[in-house]
């Protein structure tokens, strides 16, 4: 069974051989982030696939934020580069929930908790988070919960 880290390394080797600059630089940066995570703390350790997924998700989020920042600064080319790197990373992440799927999970949680009003946000988030897992970003989930409670 291949670990996610081994898969990243194999894909990096393939990208280098194929002279795929975008893919190889993105995977190289991601693997170095994984390695940094492994040596952080008191003892070096091997990350589990779940931990590697968290690193990839964090890297993908950085790309999205950088793309937005570049776009706001009028640097479309840099924004496009960041987005392209994000697409490479998205291939390793679990399939993201559509807005409809997320709204339906949130609506279920709101009904289940009997909550209403913005003060119930924490209670609803507690119910939604385990159901959503890594399939939607925290900010998206929070926005969906806020919208459901406001309506």
C-alpha atoms as a PDB file:
ATOM      1  CA  UNK A   1       0.000   0.000   0.000  1.00  0.00           C
ATOM      2  CA  UNK A   2       1.444   3.326  -1.094  1.00  0.00           C
ATOM      3  CA  UNK A   3       1.273   6.150   1.424  1.00  0.00           C
ATOM      4  CA  UNK A   4       0.143   9.592   0.278  1.00  0.00           C
ATOM      5  CA  UNK A   5       3.666  10.933   0.782  1.00  0.00           C
ATOM      6  CA  UNK A   6       5.117   8.175  -1.442  1.00  0.00           C
ATOM      7  CA  UNK A   7       2.455   8.966  -4.036  1.00  0.00           C
ATOM      8  CA  UNK A   8       3.506  12.641  -3.988  1.00  0.00           C
ATOM      9  CA  UNK A   9       7.153  11.633  -4.447  1.00  0.00           C
ATOM     10  CA  UNK A  10       6.330   9.279  -7.347  1.00  0.00           C
ATOM     11  CA  UNK A  11       4.201  11.965  -8.993  1.00  0.00           C
ATOM     12  CA  UNK A  12       7.040  14.475  -8.539  1.00  0.00           C
ATOM     13  CA  UNK A  13       9.492  12.100 -10.266  1.00  0.00           C
ATOM     14  CA  UNK A  14       7.028  11.599 -13.130  1.00  0.00           C
ATOM     15  CA  UNK A  15       6.463  15.369 -13.440  1.00  0.00           C
ATOM     16  CA  UNK A  16      10.221  16.031 -13.569  1.00  0.00           C
ATOM     17  CA  UNK A  17      10.682  13.381 -16.286  1.00  0.00           C
ATOM     18  CA  UNK A  18       7.767  14.868 -18.223  1.00  0.00           C
ATOM     19  CA  UNK A  19       9.304  18.350 -17.788  1.00  0.00           C
ATOM     20  CA  UNK A  20       6.018  19.541 -16.246  1.00  0.00           C
ATOM     21  CA  UNK A  21       7.327  22.664 -14.491  1.00  0.00           C
ATOM     22  CA  UNK A  22       4.062  23.640 -12.797  1.00  0.00           C
ATOM     23  CA  UNK A  23       3.391  20.189 -11.368  1.00  0.00           C
ATOM     24  CA  UNK A  24       6.983  19.515 -10.293  1.00  0.00           C
ATOM     25  CA  UNK A  25       7.434  22.876  -8.535  1.00  0.00           C
ATOM     26  CA  UNK A  26       4.058  22.548  -6.789  1.00  0.00           C
ATOM     27  CA  UNK A  27       4.777  18.994  -5.608  1.00  0.00           C
ATOM     28  CA  UNK A  28       8.307  19.935  -4.554  1.00  0.00           C
ATOM     29  CA  UNK A  29       6.962  22.783  -2.366  1.00  0.00           C
ATOM     30  CA  UNK A  30       4.270  20.528  -0.914  1.00  0.00           C
ATOM     31  CA  UNK A  31       6.750  17.758  -0.086  1.00  0.00           C
ATOM     32  CA  UNK A  32       9.024  20.269   1.625  1.00  0.00           C
ATOM     33  CA  UNK A  33       6.015  21.438   3.694  1.00  0.00           C
ATOM     34  CA  UNK A  34       5.379  17.781   4.642  1.00  0.00           C
ATOM     35  CA  UNK A  35       9.033  17.346   5.623  1.00  0.00           C
ATOM     36  CA  UNK A  36       8.947  20.549   7.686  1.00  0.00           C
ATOM     37  CA  UNK A  37       5.902  19.206   9.508  1.00  0.00           C
ATOM     38  CA  UNK A  38       7.707  15.907  10.147  1.00  0.00           C
ATOM     39  CA  UNK A  39      10.728  17.553  11.754  1.00  0.00           C
ATOM     40  CA  UNK A  40       8.702  20.128  13.700  1.00  0.00           C
ATOM     41  CA  UNK A  41       8.535  19.307  17.395  1.00  0.00           C
ATOM     42  CA  UNK A  42      10.940  17.309  19.522  1.00  0.00           C
ATOM     43  CA  UNK A  43      11.328  14.152  17.438  1.00  0.00           C
ATOM     44  CA  UNK A  44      11.249  13.460  13.713  1.00  0.00           C
ATOM     45  CA  UNK A  45       8.274  11.340  12.767  1.00  0.00           C
ATOM     46  CA  UNK A  46       6.493  10.011   9.705  1.00  0.00           C
ATOM     47  CA  UNK A  47       3.170  11.761   9.046  1.00  0.00           C
ATOM     48  CA  UNK A  48       0.019   9.697   8.603  1.00  0.00           C
ATOM     49  CA  UNK A  49      -1.956  10.084   5.368  1.00  0.00           C
ATOM     50  CA  UNK A  50      -4.508  12.212   7.262  1.00  0.00           C
ATOM     51  CA  UNK A  51      -1.753  14.541   8.473  1.00  0.00           C
ATOM     52  CA  UNK A  52      -0.286  14.756   4.951  1.00  0.00           C
ATOM     53  CA  UNK A  53      -3.793  15.615   3.668  1.00  0.00           C
ATOM     54  CA  UNK A  54      -3.977  18.451   6.215  1.00  0.00           C
ATOM     55  CA  UNK A  55      -0.648  19.806   4.940  1.00  0.00           C
ATOM     56  CA  UNK A  56      -1.890  19.601   1.324  1.00  0.00           C
ATOM     57  CA  UNK A  57      -5.144  21.354   2.304  1.00  0.00           C
ATOM     58  CA  UNK A  58      -3.158  24.100   4.055  1.00  0.00           C
ATOM     59  CA  UNK A  59      -0.944  24.523   0.965  1.00  0.00           C
ATOM     60  CA  UNK A  60      -4.025  24.678  -1.297  1.00  0.00           C
ATOM     61  CA  UNK A  61      -5.563  27.331   0.961  1.00  0.00           C
ATOM     62  CA  UNK A  62      -2.337  29.381   0.756  1.00  0.00           C
ATOM     63  CA  UNK A  63      -2.579  29.218  -3.055  1.00  0.00           C
ATOM     64  CA  UNK A  64      -6.200  30.440  -3.013  1.00  0.00           C
ATOM     65  CA  UNK A  65      -5.354  33.311  -0.669  1.00  0.00           C
ATOM     66  CA  UNK A  66      -2.291  34.277  -2.718  1.00  0.00           C
ATOM     67  CA  UNK A  67      -4.324  34.183  -5.945  1.00  0.00           C
ATOM     68  CA  UNK A  68      -6.883  36.554  -4.405  1.00  0.00           C
ATOM     69  CA  UNK A  69      -4.137  38.872  -3.153  1.00  0.00           C
ATOM     70  CA  UNK A  70      -2.413  38.928  -6.569  1.00  0.00           C
ATOM     71  CA  UNK A  71      -5.729  39.566  -8.300  1.00  0.00           C
ATOM     72  CA  UNK A  72      -6.514  42.487  -5.977  1.00  0.00           C
ATOM     73  CA  UNK A  73      -3.060  43.885  -6.732  1.00  0.00           C
ATOM     74  CA  UNK A  74      -3.752  43.667 -10.478  1.00  0.00           C
ATOM     75  CA  UNK A  75      -1.245  40.873 -11.085  1.00  0.00           C
ATOM     76  CA  UNK A  76      -3.398  38.489 -13.142  1.00  0.00           C
ATOM     77  CA  UNK A  77      -0.472  36.346 -14.333  1.00  0.00           C
ATOM     78  CA  UNK A  78       0.705  35.594 -10.772  1.00  0.00           C
ATOM     79  CA  UNK A  79      -2.903  34.931  -9.707  1.00  0.00           C
ATOM     80  CA  UNK A  80      -3.324  32.453 -12.584  1.00  0.00           C
ATOM     81  CA  UNK A  81      -0.089  30.686 -11.547  1.00  0.00           C
ATOM     82  CA  UNK A  82      -1.323  30.316  -7.948  1.00  0.00           C
ATOM     83  CA  UNK A  83      -4.707  29.013  -9.165  1.00  0.00           C
ATOM     84  CA  UNK A  84      -2.997  26.470 -11.426  1.00  0.00           C
ATOM     85  CA  UNK A  85      -0.916  25.235  -8.467  1.00  0.00           C
ATOM     86  CA  UNK A  86      -4.139  24.996  -6.444  1.00  0.00           C
ATOM     87  CA  UNK A  87      -5.665  22.778  -9.138  1.00  0.00           C
ATOM     88  CA  UNK A  88      -2.657  20.421  -8.935  1.00  0.00           C
ATOM     89  CA  UNK A  89      -3.097  20.174  -5.147  1.00  0.00           C
ATOM     90  CA  UNK A  90      -6.877  19.736  -5.401  1.00  0.00           C
ATOM     91  CA  UNK A  91      -6.219  16.439  -7.177  1.00  0.00           C
ATOM     92  CA  UNK A  92      -4.900  15.020  -3.883  1.00  0.00           C
ATOM     93  CA  UNK A  93      -7.723  16.324  -1.685  1.00  0.00           C
ATOM     94  CA  UNK A  94     -11.088  14.680  -1.055  1.00  0.00           C
ATOM     95  CA  UNK A  95     -13.849  15.739  -3.445  1.00  0.00           C
ATOM     96  CA  UNK A  96     -15.237  19.042  -2.153  1.00  0.00           C
ATOM     97  CA  UNK A  97     -18.931  19.344  -1.304  1.00  0.00           C
ATOM     98  CA  UNK A  98     -21.076  21.379  -3.672  1.00  0.00           C
ATOM     99  CA  UNK A  99     -22.874  24.409  -2.226  1.00  0.00           C
ATOM    100  CA  UNK A 100     -26.150  22.456  -2.345  1.00  0.00           C
ATOM    101  CA  UNK A 101     -24.708  19.467  -0.443  1.00  0.00           C
ATOM    102  CA  UNK A 102     -23.182  21.776   2.161  1.00  0.00           C
ATOM    103  CA  UNK A 103     -26.456  23.724   2.555  1.00  0.00           C
ATOM    104  CA  UNK A 104     -28.380  20.482   3.044  1.00  0.00           C
ATOM    105  CA  UNK A 105     -25.969  19.228   5.757  1.00  0.00           C
ATOM    106  CA  UNK A 106     -26.206  22.616   7.496  1.00  0.00           C
ATOM    107  CA  UNK A 107     -30.010  22.672   7.283  1.00  0.00           C
ATOM    108  CA  UNK A 108     -30.105  19.173   8.825  1.00  0.00           C
ATOM    109  CA  UNK A 109     -27.833  20.290  11.681  1.00  0.00           C
ATOM    110  CA  UNK A 110     -29.905  23.420  12.327  1.00  0.00           C
ATOM    111  CA  UNK A 111     -33.074  21.305  12.486  1.00  0.00           C
ATOM    112  CA  UNK A 112     -31.353  18.716  14.706  1.00  0.00           C
ATOM    113  CA  UNK A 113     -30.078  21.326  17.168  1.00  0.00           C
ATOM    114  CA  UNK A 114     -33.335  23.309  17.137  1.00  0.00           C
ATOM    115  CA  UNK A 115     -31.112  26.379  17.010  1.00  0.00           C
ATOM    116  CA  UNK A 116     -32.049  29.792  15.737  1.00  0.00           C
ATOM    117  CA  UNK A 117     -30.285  33.120  15.643  1.00  0.00           C
ATOM    118  CA  UNK A 118     -26.582  33.923  15.304  1.00  0.00           C
ATOM    119  CA  UNK A 119     -25.810  33.030  18.954  1.00  0.00           C
ATOM    120  CA  UNK A 120     -26.410  29.337  18.068  1.00  0.00           C
ATOM    121  CA  UNK A 121     -23.564  29.317  15.522  1.00  0.00           C
ATOM    122  CA  UNK A 122     -21.145  27.344  17.740  1.00  0.00           C
ATOM    123  CA  UNK A 123     -23.684  24.624  18.520  1.00  0.00           C
ATOM    124  CA  UNK A 124     -24.534  24.139  14.844  1.00  0.00           C
ATOM    125  CA  UNK A 125     -20.853  24.183  13.788  1.00  0.00           C
ATOM    126  CA  UNK A 126     -20.172  21.377  16.292  1.00  0.00           C
ATOM    127  CA  UNK A 127     -22.764  19.212  14.542  1.00  0.00           C
ATOM    128  CA  UNK A 128     -21.742  20.145  10.993  1.00  0.00           C
ATOM    129  CA  UNK A 129     -17.951  19.798  11.278  1.00  0.00           C
ATOM    130  CA  UNK A 130     -17.813  15.974  11.739  1.00  0.00           C
ATOM    131  CA  UNK A 131     -20.281  15.432   8.864  1.00  0.00           C
ATOM    132  CA  UNK A 132     -18.343  17.676   6.501  1.00  0.00           C
ATOM    133  CA  UNK A 133     -14.787  16.694   7.486  1.00  0.00           C
ATOM    134  CA  UNK A 134     -12.199  17.776   4.920  1.00  0.00           C
ATOM    135  CA  UNK A 135     -14.730  18.127   2.130  1.00  0.00           C
ATOM    136  CA  UNK A 136     -15.327  21.847   2.721  1.00  0.00           C
ATOM    137  CA  UNK A 137     -13.188  24.641   4.105  1.00  0.00           C
ATOM    138  CA  UNK A 138     -14.009  26.078   7.523  1.00  0.00           C
ATOM    139  CA  UNK A 139     -14.816  29.507   6.071  1.00  0.00           C
ATOM    140  CA  UNK A 140     -17.319  28.046   3.621  1.00  0.00           C
ATOM    141  CA  UNK A 141     -18.963  26.009   6.386  1.00  0.00           C
ATOM    142  CA  UNK A 142     -19.186  29.033   8.696  1.00  0.00           C
ATOM    143  CA  UNK A 143     -20.736  31.150   5.925  1.00  0.00           C
ATOM    144  CA  UNK A 144     -23.321  28.444   5.182  1.00  0.00           C
ATOM    145  CA  UNK A 145     -24.217  28.103   8.885  1.00  0.00           C
ATOM    146  CA  UNK A 146     -24.487  31.884   9.267  1.00  0.00           C
ATOM    147  CA  UNK A 147     -26.771  32.078   6.212  1.00  0.00           C
ATOM    148  CA  UNK A 148     -28.979  29.240   7.506  1.00  0.00           C
ATOM    149  CA  UNK A 149     -29.321  30.837  10.934  1.00  0.00           C
ATOM    150  CA  UNK A 150     -30.064  34.271   9.470  1.00  0.00           C
ATOM    151  CA  UNK A 151     -32.821  32.866   7.247  1.00  0.00           C
END
